[in-house]
Amino acid sequence: MAFNLDIGFASLAGRKDINEDFCAAMLPEPGQEGMGSIVAIADGVSAGGMGKEAAQTTVTSLVRDYYGTPETWDTTVALDRIIGAQNAWLAGLNRRRQPALGLTTLTAVVLRGQSYALAHVGDTRAYLLRDGQLTQLTHDHVVEHPDFRHQLLRSVGAEDRLVVDYSQGDLQVGDVFVLLSDGVHGVLPVKKINTMTVAVSDAQLISQQLVDAALAAGSHDNATALVVRVLGLLDATLQDENRQALALPVPARLKLGDTLDGLAVTATVADNGINVLHQVRDLQTQRLYALKTLHPSRAHDPEERAMLAHEAWLAKRMQSSRAADYLVNLHSRLPSGKEPSAFYLLYDWHAGETLQQLLDRQHKVSLPQVLSAATQVAKALGLLHRQGVIHRDIKPANLHQGEDGVLRLLDLGVALSGREPESQRALHAGTPSYINPEQWGFSGRAGALAHEGPVELPDAQSDLFALGVALYQLLTGKLPYGEVLPYQAGRYWRDPVAPSRHRPEIPIWLDHVVLKAVARDKRQRFETAEELLLALERGASRPLTAPPATPLMQRDPTALWKLALGISLLFNLLLVYWLLFLPK
């Protein structure tokens, strides 16, 4: 079902000369549907002045800047960053002014996927009407004494550190959100608001009637009402994916010829003991798909379910971004349009082969093929990194060259998005031979052994290092630091040998690009995918300088002691020889 909202609002100054209330709603631009829609209401504080301006700038910046945050951020994180920045700006203006001016309350709701997120400060309110029952979602930040209820305990701009109330909940078709300033809820009882909201099926009419009723009841303040009726929902969010992962059973072990939801297994592509990947064919359309599910032995592991659910959510979110051209499309529903009966992911199947298969077949890949692949992967990683996503397992086996000429990144199973389960974030994931030194605790600055320093979490440069290793392997058939088995730690005893030493036809400029990508010291590597892409595109026209060789003392701080020990040992051997064999 398409996301469908009916939004209406009304705002009047009432008996005051100036209307210091402000409200706004914003729908997503094409391509940003996954961000959902945001509505907000604010009531500027009259004391000190500039309340109208504070309310307007706060609401406007929130609804506009929300769509500038990465889609992979949690909604409350995005709201907190924007509200915090607005509060810091207003608080900075008020730091030397007494009384403070430019203060405002704020209540905002983001409707995203099949859930809502709410942010609240002050005494504006948000209500939810569901199944005919109106529920207040916010708590007024005012003095509890009846005579001082107009005194705010919290407002945007009052203090440097603002505490915002956040809450989240499920979203259902038929829900009605009602956001009111105190000029409305202060004079209308909840029962009347409930009755008026239920009686009308038009959001604009509801909001207008609420404001008119408040003024008729004697409200002395500005009166504002913003109403949102939910008529249809977006695709599932990560929370929705997690609920589905826990509710559906994991398929039993599938073998050739078995069918599941009208999909016949034609081959088992991979089985690593955690996930199983099958090639399946839809019996009606005869189209091929890739079906990924948990190994039956992991069926009751909630962490593994959460990780696969995160992969599903991330793959769906990326489909609305520019990175979708370099990823495999994930289907939310079966080809028949029905819901799956078990917990699995259904991807498109693309003819072609991975670069690892190409490497196994050719041993050495041609230079044009390597450069084309490296350029496409760098573009894909740049698009992922702009969305705050770290792939974490770049290697030839996860780079698929399709027969359509497009190189796609496979397997987002261990990717980081900022929303991944804690267990996935703490997991030392990826293929050991392609993991950058910092994840082994080796900085490349002082010492050659692993685990000599703090272990760093993967970041964008981790993907670029892995791409450098893959590029080195495609060019030479070898790994720059040798193979690291799963039970071993990475070793970085020496600088990598230049690829042209293994393959003389490799140009010097490409030598320098590869060596910079896999440098032992993080400071010498590419910082962004765009920087690497630019170096590949410029090629020999503007070659990079070769990264400097790591000094012996930096590669091995004990080298001086080893040299002194060697000299001492040689001196002692000569002394023994002189005492035993030379004439006295």
Protein backbone atom coordinates (compact mmCIF):
# COMPACT_ATOMS: atom_id res chain seq x y z
CA MET A 1 0.00 0.00 0.00
CA ALA A 2 1.31 3.48 -0.87
CA PHE A 3 2.04 5.98 1.88
CA ASN A 4 -1.03 8.20 2.04
CA LEU A 5 -1.70 11.00 4.52
CA ASP A 6 -4.47 13.56 4.94
CA ILE A 7 -2.97 16.64 6.61
CA GLY A 8 -4.79 19.79 7.71
CA PHE A 9 -3.97 22.74 9.96
CA ALA A 10 -5.46 25.97 11.30
CA SER A 11 -3.79 28.76 13.27
CA LEU A 12 -5.33 32.01 14.52
CA ALA A 13 -4.03 34.85 16.68
CA GLY A 14 -7.28 34.92 18.67
CA ARG A 15 -7.43 37.86 21.08
CA LYS A 16 -3.72 38.63 20.70
CA ASP A 17 -2.25 41.05 18.19
CA ILE A 18 0.50 38.66 17.04
CA ASN A 19 0.24 34.95 16.32
CA GLU A 20 3.35 33.42 17.86
CA ASP A 21 2.28 29.84 17.03
CA PHE A 22 3.69 28.14 13.96
CA CYS A 23 3.17 24.73 12.37
CA ALA A 24 4.35 22.97 9.24
CA ALA A 25 4.25 19.64 7.45
CA MET A 26 6.56 18.31 4.77
CA LEU A 27 6.30 15.32 2.47
CA PRO A 28 9.36 13.58 0.97
CA GLU A 29 10.75 14.43 -2.44
CA PRO A 30 10.77 11.68 -5.10
CA GLY A 31 13.46 9.19 -4.16
CA GLN A 32 13.23 9.99 -0.44
CA GLU A 33 9.99 8.14 0.31
CA GLY A 34 11.83 6.00 2.83
CA MET A 35 12.34 9.07 5.03
CA GLY A 36 8.60 9.33 5.64
CA SER A 37 6.77 12.60 6.43
CA ILE A 38 7.29 15.10 9.23
CA VAL A 39 4.87 17.50 10.96
CA ALA A 40 5.67 19.97 13.72
CA ILE A 41 4.03 22.65 15.86
CA ALA A 42 5.64 25.34 18.03
CA ASP A 43 4.40 28.03 20.39
CA GLY A 44 6.76 30.99 20.74
CA VAL A 45 7.27 32.33 24.27
CA SER A 46 5.97 35.90 24.63
CA ALA A 47 8.24 36.88 27.54
CA GLY A 48 11.32 38.65 26.21
CA GLY A 49 9.94 38.93 22.68
CA MET A 50 10.94 37.26 19.41
CA GLY A 51 8.73 34.26 20.21
CA LYS A 52 7.17 34.28 16.75
CA GLU A 53 10.59 34.24 15.06
CA ALA A 54 11.84 31.46 17.33
CA ALA A 55 8.82 29.28 16.58
CA GLN A 56 9.06 29.83 12.84
CA THR A 57 12.82 29.21 12.52
CA THR A 58 12.67 26.15 14.77
CA VAL A 59 9.86 24.44 12.88
CA THR A 60 11.14 25.45 9.45
CA SER A 61 14.68 24.24 10.08
CA LEU A 62 13.41 20.97 11.53
CA VAL A 63 11.09 19.98 8.69
CA ARG A 64 13.57 21.04 6.00
CA ASP A 65 16.82 19.74 7.50
CA TYR A 66 15.28 16.38 8.41
CA TYR A 67 15.46 15.32 4.76
CA GLY A 68 19.14 16.26 4.65
CA THR A 69 20.08 13.59 7.20
CA PRO A 70 21.20 10.10 6.05
CA GLU A 71 18.31 7.72 5.52
CA THR A 72 20.10 5.07 7.57
CA TRP A 73 20.00 7.21 10.73
CA ASP A 74 17.46 6.37 13.38
CA THR A 75 14.64 8.93 13.23
CA THR A 76 15.18 10.08 16.81
CA VAL A 77 18.91 10.57 16.11
CA ALA A 78 18.13 12.77 13.11
CA LEU A 79 15.61 14.82 15.12
CA ASP A 80 17.99 15.19 18.05
CA ARG A 81 20.84 16.47 15.85
CA ILE A 82 18.65 19.12 14.21
CA ILE A 83 16.87 20.25 17.39
CA GLY A 84 20.19 20.35 19.23
CA ALA A 85 21.72 22.60 16.57
CA GLN A 86 18.73 24.96 16.63
CA ASN A 87 18.79 25.10 20.42
CA ALA A 88 22.53 25.86 20.43
CA TRP A 89 21.96 28.76 18.04
CA LEU A 90 19.11 30.28 20.07
CA ALA A 91 20.89 29.68 23.38
CA GLY A 92 23.98 31.42 22.00
CA LEU A 93 21.89 34.49 21.17
CA ASN A 94 20.39 34.49 24.68
CA ARG A 95 23.63 33.96 26.59
CA ARG A 96 24.14 37.66 27.26
CA ARG A 97 20.52 38.78 27.25
CA GLN A 98 18.24 38.99 30.25
CA PRO A 99 15.43 38.25 30.03
CA ALA A 100 16.03 35.69 27.33
CA LEU A 101 14.27 36.20 24.01
CA GLY A 102 13.58 33.85 21.13
CA LEU A 103 12.25 30.87 23.13
CA THR A 104 9.73 28.34 21.87
CA THR A 105 8.06 25.04 22.60
CA LEU A 106 8.19 22.25 20.00
CA THR A 107 6.31 19.04 19.24
CA ALA A 108 7.16 17.06 16.10
CA VAL A 109 6.05 13.72 14.69
CA VAL A 110 7.73 11.72 11.94
CA LEU A 111 5.59 9.08 10.22
CA ARG A 112 7.96 6.60 8.63
CA GLY A 113 7.29 3.12 7.36
CA GLN A 114 4.97 1.44 9.81
CA SER A 115 5.98 3.41 12.91
CA TYR A 116 6.08 6.96 14.23
CA ALA A 117 8.70 8.91 16.21
CA LEU A 118 7.82 11.89 18.40
CA ALA A 119 9.98 14.71 19.79
CA HIS A 120 8.61 17.08 22.42
CA VAL A 121 9.67 20.12 24.47
CA GLY A 122 7.33 22.45 26.36
CA ASP A 123 3.53 22.53 26.60
CA THR A 124 2.37 21.97 23.04
CA ARG A 125 0.74 18.55 22.87
CA ALA A 126 0.37 15.51 20.60
CA TYR A 127 -2.59 13.14 20.77
CA LEU A 128 -3.20 9.85 18.96
CA LEU A 129 -6.71 8.77 18.04
CA ARG A 130 -6.90 5.00 17.48
CA ASP A 131 -10.04 2.87 17.45
CA GLY A 132 -12.07 5.86 18.60
CA GLN A 133 -9.93 6.45 21.72
CA LEU A 134 -7.81 9.61 22.10
CA THR A 135 -4.48 9.17 23.95
CA GLN A 136 -2.11 11.96 24.99
CA LEU A 137 1.43 11.16 23.81
CA THR A 138 3.28 14.06 25.44
CA HIS A 139 3.86 15.42 28.92
CA ASP A 140 3.71 19.18 29.59
CA HIS A 141 6.99 20.64 30.84
CA VAL A 142 5.37 23.20 33.17
CA VAL A 143 5.27 23.96 36.87
CA GLU A 144 2.78 21.60 38.50
CA HIS A 145 1.17 24.31 40.68
CA PRO A 146 -2.24 25.36 39.18
CA ASP A 147 -1.39 29.06 39.42
CA PHE A 148 1.90 28.70 37.49
CA ARG A 149 1.00 26.29 34.71
CA HIS A 150 2.04 28.91 32.16
CA GLN A 151 5.62 28.75 33.51
CA LEU A 152 7.71 26.48 31.25
CA LEU A 153 10.38 24.23 32.70
CA ARG A 154 11.84 23.45 29.27
CA SER A 155 11.92 25.35 25.99
CA VAL A 156 14.09 25.52 22.91
CA GLY A 157 16.77 28.20 23.36
CA ALA A 158 16.55 28.57 27.13
CA GLU A 159 19.68 26.59 28.06
CA ASP A 160 22.78 25.30 26.33
CA ARG A 161 21.80 21.71 27.02
CA LEU A 162 18.26 20.81 26.01
CA VAL A 163 16.56 17.61 27.16
CA VAL A 164 14.05 16.46 24.56
CA ASP A 165 11.39 13.80 25.19
CA TYR A 166 11.40 11.09 22.52
CA SER A 167 8.97 8.23 22.00
CA GLN A 168 8.20 5.75 19.24
CA GLY A 169 5.29 3.48 18.41
CA ASP A 170 3.59 1.39 15.77
CA LEU A 171 1.61 3.04 13.00
CA GLN A 172 -1.71 1.73 11.74
CA VAL A 173 -4.02 2.70 8.92
CA GLY A 174 -6.77 4.85 10.43
CA ASP A 175 -4.58 6.51 13.06
CA VAL A 176 -5.16 10.24 13.59
CA PHE A 177 -2.49 12.49 15.13
CA VAL A 178 -3.63 15.76 16.66
CA LEU A 179 -1.02 18.41 17.55
CA LEU A 180 -2.30 21.39 19.58
CA SER A 181 -0.93 24.55 21.12
CA ASP A 182 -1.96 25.38 24.69
CA GLY A 183 -4.43 27.92 23.34
CA VAL A 184 -6.54 24.94 22.24
CA HIS A 185 -5.89 22.11 24.70
CA GLY A 186 -5.89 24.58 27.59
CA VAL A 187 -9.62 25.30 27.15
CA LEU A 188 -10.99 22.18 25.43
CA PRO A 189 -11.37 19.04 27.54
CA VAL A 190 -9.91 15.82 26.13
CA LYS A 191 -13.38 14.29 25.80
CA LYS A 192 -14.51 17.10 23.50
CA ILE A 193 -11.33 16.88 21.41
CA ASN A 194 -11.96 13.15 21.09
CA THR A 195 -15.57 13.64 20.02
CA MET A 196 -14.74 16.32 17.46
CA THR A 197 -11.92 14.25 15.94
CA VAL A 198 -14.02 11.11 15.61
CA ALA A 199 -17.02 12.91 14.12
CA VAL A 200 -15.20 14.31 11.05
CA SER A 201 -13.24 12.48 8.36
CA ASP A 202 -11.39 15.48 6.89
CA ALA A 203 -8.12 16.65 8.51
CA GLN A 204 -8.51 20.30 7.47
CA LEU A 205 -12.07 20.47 8.78
CA ILE A 206 -11.07 18.85 12.10
CA SER A 207 -8.26 21.36 12.67
CA GLN A 208 -10.44 24.33 11.81
CA GLN A 209 -13.25 23.20 14.08
CA LEU A 210 -10.83 22.64 16.99
CA VAL A 211 -9.43 26.18 16.67
CA ASP A 212 -12.89 27.74 16.32
CA ALA A 213 -14.16 25.78 19.36
CA ALA A 214 -11.18 26.92 21.46
CA LEU A 215 -11.75 30.58 20.66
CA ALA A 216 -15.46 30.21 21.28
CA ALA A 217 -14.68 28.65 24.67
CA GLY A 218 -12.81 31.81 25.67
CA SER A 219 -9.18 31.07 24.84
CA HIS A 220 -6.97 34.12 25.46
CA ASP A 221 -3.96 32.69 23.59
CA ASN A 222 -3.09 31.91 20.00
CA ALA A 223 -4.90 28.79 18.84
CA THR A 224 -3.28 26.24 16.51
CA ALA A 225 -4.25 22.71 15.54
CA LEU A 226 -2.48 20.35 13.13
CA VAL A 227 -4.19 17.05 12.22
CA VAL A 228 -2.75 14.06 10.33
CA ARG A 229 -4.90 11.12 9.22
CA VAL A 230 -3.04 7.96 8.17
CA LEU A 231 -4.71 6.46 5.10
CA GLY A 232 -1.86 4.18 3.92
CA LEU A 233 1.57 3.01 5.09
CA LEU A 234 5.07 2.87 3.65
CA ASP A 235 7.31 -0.18 3.46
CA ALA A 236 8.47 -1.77 6.69
CA THR A 237 11.14 -0.14 8.83
CA LEU A 238 13.95 -1.98 10.61
CA GLN A 239 11.69 -2.53 13.61
CA ASP A 240 9.09 -4.03 11.29
CA GLU A 241 11.73 -6.29 9.73
CA ASN A 242 12.79 -7.47 13.18
CA ARG A 243 9.22 -8.30 14.12
CA GLN A 244 8.81 -10.32 10.93
CA ALA A 245 12.12 -12.09 11.55
CA LEU A 246 10.91 -13.24 14.96
CA ALA A 247 7.40 -14.14 13.84
CA LEU A 248 8.20 -16.27 10.78
CA PRO A 249 9.88 -19.69 10.91
CA VAL A 250 13.25 -20.35 9.30
CA PRO A 251 12.91 -22.76 6.35
CA ALA A 252 14.02 -26.34 6.91
CA ARG A 253 17.10 -27.52 5.06
CA LEU A 254 16.38 -27.18 1.35
CA LYS A 255 17.83 -29.47 -1.29
CA LEU A 256 17.70 -29.65 -5.06
CA GLY A 257 14.10 -29.92 -6.27
CA ASP A 258 12.43 -28.72 -3.04
CA THR A 259 9.82 -25.97 -3.35
CA LEU A 260 8.97 -23.10 -1.01
CA ASP A 261 6.23 -20.56 -1.71
CA GLY A 262 6.18 -21.54 -5.38
CA LEU A 263 9.98 -21.31 -5.70
CA ALA A 264 11.88 -24.45 -6.74
CA VAL A 265 15.49 -24.92 -5.61
CA THR A 266 17.76 -25.37 -8.64
CA ALA A 267 21.16 -25.16 -6.88
CA THR A 268 22.81 -24.47 -3.53
CA VAL A 269 25.25 -21.65 -4.17
CA ALA A 270 26.86 -21.17 -0.74
CA ASP A 271 26.63 -22.49 2.82
CA ASN A 272 28.94 -21.00 5.47
CA GLY A 273 27.18 -22.59 8.44
CA ILE A 274 25.36 -19.35 9.28
CA ASN A 275 23.59 -18.38 6.05
CA VAL A 276 22.60 -20.51 3.09
CA LEU A 277 22.21 -19.15 -0.45
CA HIS A 278 20.12 -21.05 -3.01
CA GLN A 279 19.35 -20.42 -6.64
CA VAL A 280 15.58 -20.81 -7.07
CA ARG A 281 13.18 -20.64 -9.98
CA ASP A 282 9.64 -19.26 -9.84
CA LEU A 283 7.38 -22.06 -11.11
CA GLN A 284 4.97 -19.63 -12.78
CA THR A 285 7.31 -17.17 -14.52
CA GLN A 286 10.39 -19.46 -14.74
CA ARG A 287 12.47 -16.50 -13.58
CA LEU A 288 15.57 -17.17 -11.45
CA TYR A 289 16.11 -15.65 -8.00
CA ALA A 290 18.63 -15.92 -5.18
CA LEU A 291 17.10 -17.07 -1.87
CA LYS A 292 19.10 -16.33 1.29
CA THR A 293 18.12 -17.67 4.68
CA LEU A 294 19.61 -18.81 7.98
CA HIS A 295 21.16 -22.23 8.35
CA PRO A 296 18.67 -24.45 10.23
CA SER A 297 21.15 -24.76 13.10
CA ARG A 298 20.88 -20.97 13.60
CA ALA A 299 17.10 -20.86 13.42
CA HIS A 300 16.66 -20.11 17.14
CA ASP A 301 19.49 -17.57 17.42
CA PRO A 302 17.82 -14.13 17.87
CA GLU A 303 21.05 -12.27 17.08
CA GLU A 304 21.49 -14.04 13.74
CA ARG A 305 17.84 -13.31 12.93
CA ALA A 306 18.36 -9.65 13.78
CA MET A 307 21.44 -9.48 11.54
CA LEU A 308 19.58 -10.97 8.57
CA ALA A 309 16.64 -8.63 9.24
CA HIS A 310 19.07 -5.70 9.22
CA GLU A 311 20.41 -6.86 5.85
CA ALA A 312 16.85 -6.95 4.49
CA TRP A 313 16.08 -3.47 5.82
CA LEU A 314 19.35 -2.01 4.53
CA ALA A 315 18.95 -3.57 1.08
CA LYS A 316 15.45 -2.09 0.79
CA ARG A 317 16.60 1.33 1.97
CA MET A 318 19.42 1.39 -0.57
CA GLN A 319 16.99 0.67 -3.40
CA SER A 320 15.79 4.28 -3.19
CA SER A 321 19.34 5.68 -3.37
CA ARG A 322 21.79 6.09 -6.24
CA ALA A 323 23.77 3.15 -4.88
CA ALA A 324 20.97 0.84 -6.07
CA ASP A 325 22.64 0.65 -9.52
CA TYR A 326 25.55 -1.23 -7.93
CA LEU A 327 23.54 -3.49 -5.60
CA VAL A 328 21.28 -6.49 -6.11
CA ASN A 329 17.57 -5.75 -5.88
CA LEU A 330 15.68 -7.30 -2.93
CA HIS A 331 12.00 -8.23 -3.29
CA SER A 332 9.63 -7.40 -0.45
CA ARG A 333 6.98 -9.77 -1.78
CA LEU A 334 6.91 -13.01 -3.71
CA PRO A 335 6.57 -12.94 -7.53
CA SER A 336 2.95 -13.93 -6.99
CA GLY A 337 2.40 -10.84 -4.84
CA LYS A 338 1.86 -12.87 -1.68
CA GLU A 339 3.71 -12.60 1.61
CA PRO A 340 6.45 -15.19 2.34
CA SER A 341 5.52 -18.05 4.66
CA ALA A 342 9.04 -18.23 6.12
CA PHE A 343 11.91 -15.92 6.99
CA TYR A 344 14.19 -15.53 3.99
CA LEU A 345 15.42 -12.86 1.57
CA LEU A 346 14.66 -13.04 -2.14
CA TYR A 347 17.14 -11.26 -4.41
CA ASP A 348 17.31 -10.91 -8.18
CA TRP A 349 19.57 -13.44 -9.92
CA HIS A 350 22.11 -11.96 -12.33
CA ALA A 351 23.99 -14.01 -14.90
CA GLY A 352 27.75 -13.56 -14.84
CA GLU A 353 30.50 -14.40 -12.38
CA THR A 354 32.29 -12.96 -9.37
CA LEU A 355 35.77 -11.52 -9.76
CA GLN A 356 37.04 -14.40 -7.63
CA GLN A 357 35.66 -16.86 -10.17
CA LEU A 358 37.23 -14.80 -12.92
CA LEU A 359 40.54 -14.81 -11.05
CA ASP A 360 40.40 -18.57 -10.50
CA ARG A 361 39.77 -19.07 -14.20
CA GLN A 362 42.31 -16.61 -15.62
CA HIS A 363 44.79 -16.36 -12.72
CA LYS A 364 45.60 -12.83 -13.89
CA VAL A 365 42.88 -10.45 -15.02
CA SER A 366 43.56 -8.06 -17.90
CA LEU A 367 44.43 -4.48 -17.01
CA PRO A 368 41.33 -2.96 -18.68
CA GLN A 369 39.10 -5.38 -16.73
CA VAL A 370 40.82 -4.52 -13.45
CA LEU A 371 40.58 -0.77 -14.03
CA SER A 372 36.92 -0.99 -15.04
CA ALA A 373 36.08 -3.06 -11.95
CA ALA A 374 38.06 -0.80 -9.58
CA THR A 375 36.37 2.31 -10.98
CA GLN A 376 32.87 0.86 -10.56
CA VAL A 377 33.56 -0.38 -7.02
CA ALA A 378 35.00 2.99 -6.01
CA LYS A 379 31.86 4.72 -7.32
CA ALA A 380 29.64 2.25 -5.47
CA LEU A 381 31.54 2.65 -2.20
CA GLY A 382 31.37 6.42 -2.49
CA LEU A 383 27.59 6.26 -2.79
CA LEU A 384 27.31 3.84 0.15
CA HIS A 385 29.61 5.89 2.35
CA ARG A 386 27.56 9.05 1.71
CA GLN A 387 24.59 7.17 3.14
CA GLY A 388 26.64 6.26 6.23
CA VAL A 389 26.97 2.58 5.19
CA ILE A 390 30.19 0.58 5.59
CA HIS A 391 30.20 -2.65 3.55
CA ARG A 392 32.91 -4.36 5.67
CA ASP A 393 33.51 -7.34 3.36
CA ILE A 394 34.90 -6.06 0.07
CA LYS A 395 36.74 -8.88 -1.74
CA PRO A 396 36.71 -10.42 -5.23
CA ALA A 397 34.17 -13.05 -4.14
CA ASN A 398 31.69 -10.26 -3.28
CA LEU A 399 32.19 -8.33 -6.53
CA HIS A 400 29.93 -9.70 -9.25
CA GLN A 401 30.45 -8.81 -12.89
CA GLY A 402 27.08 -9.22 -14.59
CA GLU A 403 26.58 -10.08 -18.24
CA ASP A 404 24.88 -6.68 -18.52
CA GLY A 405 28.26 -5.05 -17.86
CA VAL A 406 27.38 -3.80 -14.37
CA LEU A 407 29.60 -4.71 -11.45
CA ARG A 408 27.55 -5.19 -8.29
CA LEU A 409 28.48 -5.42 -4.62
CA LEU A 410 27.19 -8.59 -2.99
CA ASP A 411 26.42 -9.46 0.62
CA LEU A 412 25.38 -6.65 2.97
CA GLY A 413 25.18 -9.21 5.78
CA VAL A 414 27.87 -7.62 7.98
CA ALA A 415 27.48 -4.02 6.77
CA LEU A 416 27.29 -1.18 9.28
CA SER A 417 24.57 1.43 8.94
CA GLY A 418 24.28 2.90 12.42
CA ARG A 419 21.13 0.82 12.94
CA GLU A 420 22.73 -2.64 13.04
CA PRO A 421 22.36 -4.90 16.12
CA GLU A 422 24.95 -4.41 18.84
CA SER A 423 26.25 -7.94 18.31
CA GLN A 424 26.88 -7.19 14.63
CA ARG A 425 28.71 -3.96 15.47
CA ALA A 426 31.00 -5.74 17.93
CA LEU A 427 31.65 -8.64 15.56
CA HIS A 428 35.16 -8.77 14.07
CA ALA A 429 33.62 -9.36 10.66
CA GLY A 430 35.00 -9.54 7.16
CA THR A 431 37.59 -11.76 5.49
CA PRO A 432 40.89 -11.66 7.46
CA SER A 433 43.19 -11.14 4.47
CA TYR A 434 41.28 -7.97 3.49
CA ILE A 435 40.92 -6.38 6.96
CA ASN A 436 42.91 -3.20 7.51
CA PRO A 437 45.70 -3.17 10.15
CA GLU A 438 43.81 -0.91 12.59
CA GLN A 439 41.14 -3.56 13.15
CA TRP A 440 43.89 -5.90 14.34
CA GLY A 441 45.22 -3.27 16.75
CA PHE A 442 48.15 -2.28 14.54
CA SER A 443 48.48 1.41 13.72
CA GLY A 444 51.40 1.22 11.30
CA ARG A 445 53.10 4.02 13.21
CA ALA A 446 55.02 2.29 15.98
CA GLY A 447 55.44 -1.45 15.94
CA ALA A 448 55.01 -4.30 13.54
CA LEU A 449 53.11 -6.81 15.61
CA ALA A 450 49.34 -7.08 15.74
CA HIS A 451 47.38 -6.27 18.90
CA GLU A 452 49.98 -3.72 20.09
CA GLY A 453 47.47 -0.85 20.19
CA PRO A 454 43.73 -0.24 20.59
CA VAL A 455 41.52 -2.01 18.06
CA GLU A 456 39.71 0.49 15.83
CA LEU A 457 36.19 -0.02 14.55
CA PRO A 458 35.74 -0.30 10.77
CA ASP A 459 35.11 2.89 8.84
CA ALA A 460 35.04 4.06 5.24
CA GLN A 461 38.81 3.65 4.96
CA SER A 462 38.40 -0.01 5.91
CA ASP A 463 36.43 -0.57 2.70
CA LEU A 464 39.02 1.32 0.68
CA PHE A 465 41.86 -0.80 2.13
CA ALA A 466 39.94 -3.97 1.26
CA LEU A 467 39.39 -2.66 -2.27
CA GLY A 468 43.14 -1.99 -2.51
CA VAL A 469 43.88 -5.57 -1.46
CA ALA A 470 41.38 -6.90 -4.01
CA LEU A 471 42.92 -4.69 -6.71
CA TYR A 472 46.41 -5.96 -5.83
CA GLN A 473 45.14 -9.55 -6.00
CA LEU A 474 43.42 -9.07 -9.36
CA LEU A 475 46.60 -7.59 -10.84
CA THR A 476 49.12 -10.06 -9.43
CA GLY A 477 47.23 -13.12 -8.22
CA LYS A 478 48.82 -12.53 -4.80
CA LEU A 479 47.86 -10.79 -1.56
CA PRO A 480 49.96 -7.78 -0.45
CA TYR A 481 50.48 -9.09 3.09
CA GLY A 482 49.96 -12.78 2.46
CA GLU A 483 46.96 -14.93 3.27
CA VAL A 484 45.49 -14.69 6.77
CA LEU A 485 43.53 -17.75 7.85
CA PRO A 486 40.34 -17.33 9.93
CA TYR A 487 42.05 -18.40 13.15
CA GLN A 488 45.04 -16.08 12.62
CA ALA A 489 45.64 -12.37 13.18
CA GLY A 490 46.90 -10.11 10.43
CA ARG A 491 50.65 -9.60 10.17
CA TYR A 492 52.24 -6.51 8.68
CA TRP A 493 55.97 -7.19 8.83
CA ARG A 494 56.97 -5.32 5.70
CA ASP A 495 55.76 -2.95 3.04
CA PRO A 496 54.03 -4.68 0.11
CA VAL A 497 56.06 -5.46 -2.99
CA ALA A 498 55.11 -3.23 -5.94
CA PRO A 499 52.62 -5.04 -8.23
CA SER A 500 54.87 -4.37 -11.23
CA ARG A 501 57.53 -6.60 -9.65
CA HIS A 502 55.11 -9.52 -10.13
CA ARG A 503 53.71 -8.28 -13.44
CA PRO A 504 56.03 -5.94 -15.41
CA GLU A 505 53.33 -4.60 -17.77
CA ILE A 506 51.60 -2.80 -14.89
CA PRO A 507 52.21 0.97 -15.33
CA ILE A 508 54.07 2.85 -12.62
CA TRP A 509 51.12 5.17 -11.95
CA LEU A 510 48.91 2.17 -11.14
CA ASP A 511 51.69 0.81 -8.93
CA HIS A 512 51.53 4.00 -6.88
CA VAL A 513 47.70 3.93 -6.63
CA VAL A 514 47.67 0.34 -5.39
CA LEU A 515 50.51 0.84 -2.92
CA LYS A 516 48.81 3.95 -1.51
CA ALA A 517 45.54 2.01 -1.11
CA VAL A 518 47.21 -0.78 0.92
CA ALA A 519 49.76 1.29 2.84
CA ARG A 520 50.50 0.03 6.33
CA ASP A 521 50.03 3.51 7.81
CA LYS A 522 46.43 4.75 7.68
CA ARG A 523 47.63 8.32 7.19
CA GLN A 524 49.18 7.43 3.84
CA ARG A 525 46.04 5.82 2.37
CA PHE A 526 43.10 7.31 0.48
CA GLU A 527 40.65 9.03 2.80
CA THR A 528 37.57 8.82 0.58
CA ALA A 529 36.32 6.69 -2.29
CA GLU A 530 36.14 9.84 -4.42
CA GLU A 531 39.86 10.43 -3.91
CA LEU A 532 40.65 6.87 -5.04
CA LEU A 533 38.27 7.19 -7.99
CA LEU A 534 39.93 10.43 -9.07
CA ALA A 535 43.37 8.80 -8.98
CA LEU A 536 42.13 5.93 -11.16
CA GLU A 537 40.46 8.26 -13.67
CA ARG A 538 43.46 10.57 -13.98
CA GLY A 539 45.85 7.67 -14.46
CA ALA A 540 49.14 8.61 -16.07
CA SER A 541 48.01 12.18 -16.83
CA ARG A 542 48.47 13.20 -13.19
CA PRO A 543 50.20 10.29 -11.43
CA LEU A 544 50.48 10.05 -7.68
CA THR A 545 53.85 10.05 -5.99
CA ALA A 546 54.91 6.72 -4.56
CA PRO A 547 54.15 6.36 -0.83
CA PRO A 548 57.40 6.52 1.15
CA ALA A 549 58.87 3.27 2.42
CA THR A 550 58.30 2.67 6.12
CA PRO A 551 61.55 3.27 8.05
CA LEU A 552 63.11 0.22 9.65
CA MET A 553 62.68 1.64 13.15
CA GLN A 554 58.97 2.23 12.53
CA ARG A 555 58.47 -1.26 11.09
CA ASP A 556 60.38 -2.82 13.98
CA PRO A 557 61.22 -0.67 17.04
CA THR A 558 63.44 -3.47 18.35
CA ALA A 559 65.71 -3.27 15.27
CA LEU A 560 68.34 -1.20 17.11
CA TRP A 561 68.50 -3.70 19.95
CA LYS A 562 68.69 -6.58 17.48
CA LEU A 563 71.57 -4.86 15.68
CA ALA A 564 73.39 -4.22 18.95
CA LEU A 565 72.86 -7.84 19.97
CA GLY A 566 74.23 -9.04 16.62
CA ILE A 567 77.32 -6.89 16.92
CA SER A 568 77.86 -8.05 20.49
CA LEU A 569 77.46 -11.70 19.47
CA LEU A 570 79.94 -11.28 16.59
CA PHE A 571 82.44 -9.57 18.88
CA ASN A 572 82.17 -12.37 21.43
CA LEU A 573 82.63 -15.04 18.74
CA LEU A 574 85.79 -13.29 17.50
CA LEU A 575 87.04 -13.04 21.07
CA VAL A 576 86.49 -16.76 21.64
CA TYR A 577 88.23 -17.59 18.35
CA TRP A 578 91.19 -15.39 19.33
CA LEU A 579 91.50 -17.02 22.75
CA LEU A 580 91.32 -20.58 21.39
CA PHE A 581 93.12 -20.56 18.10
CA LEU A 582 95.41 -17.57 17.69
CA PRO A 583 98.99 -17.95 19.00
CA LYS A 584 99.62 -16.53 22.41
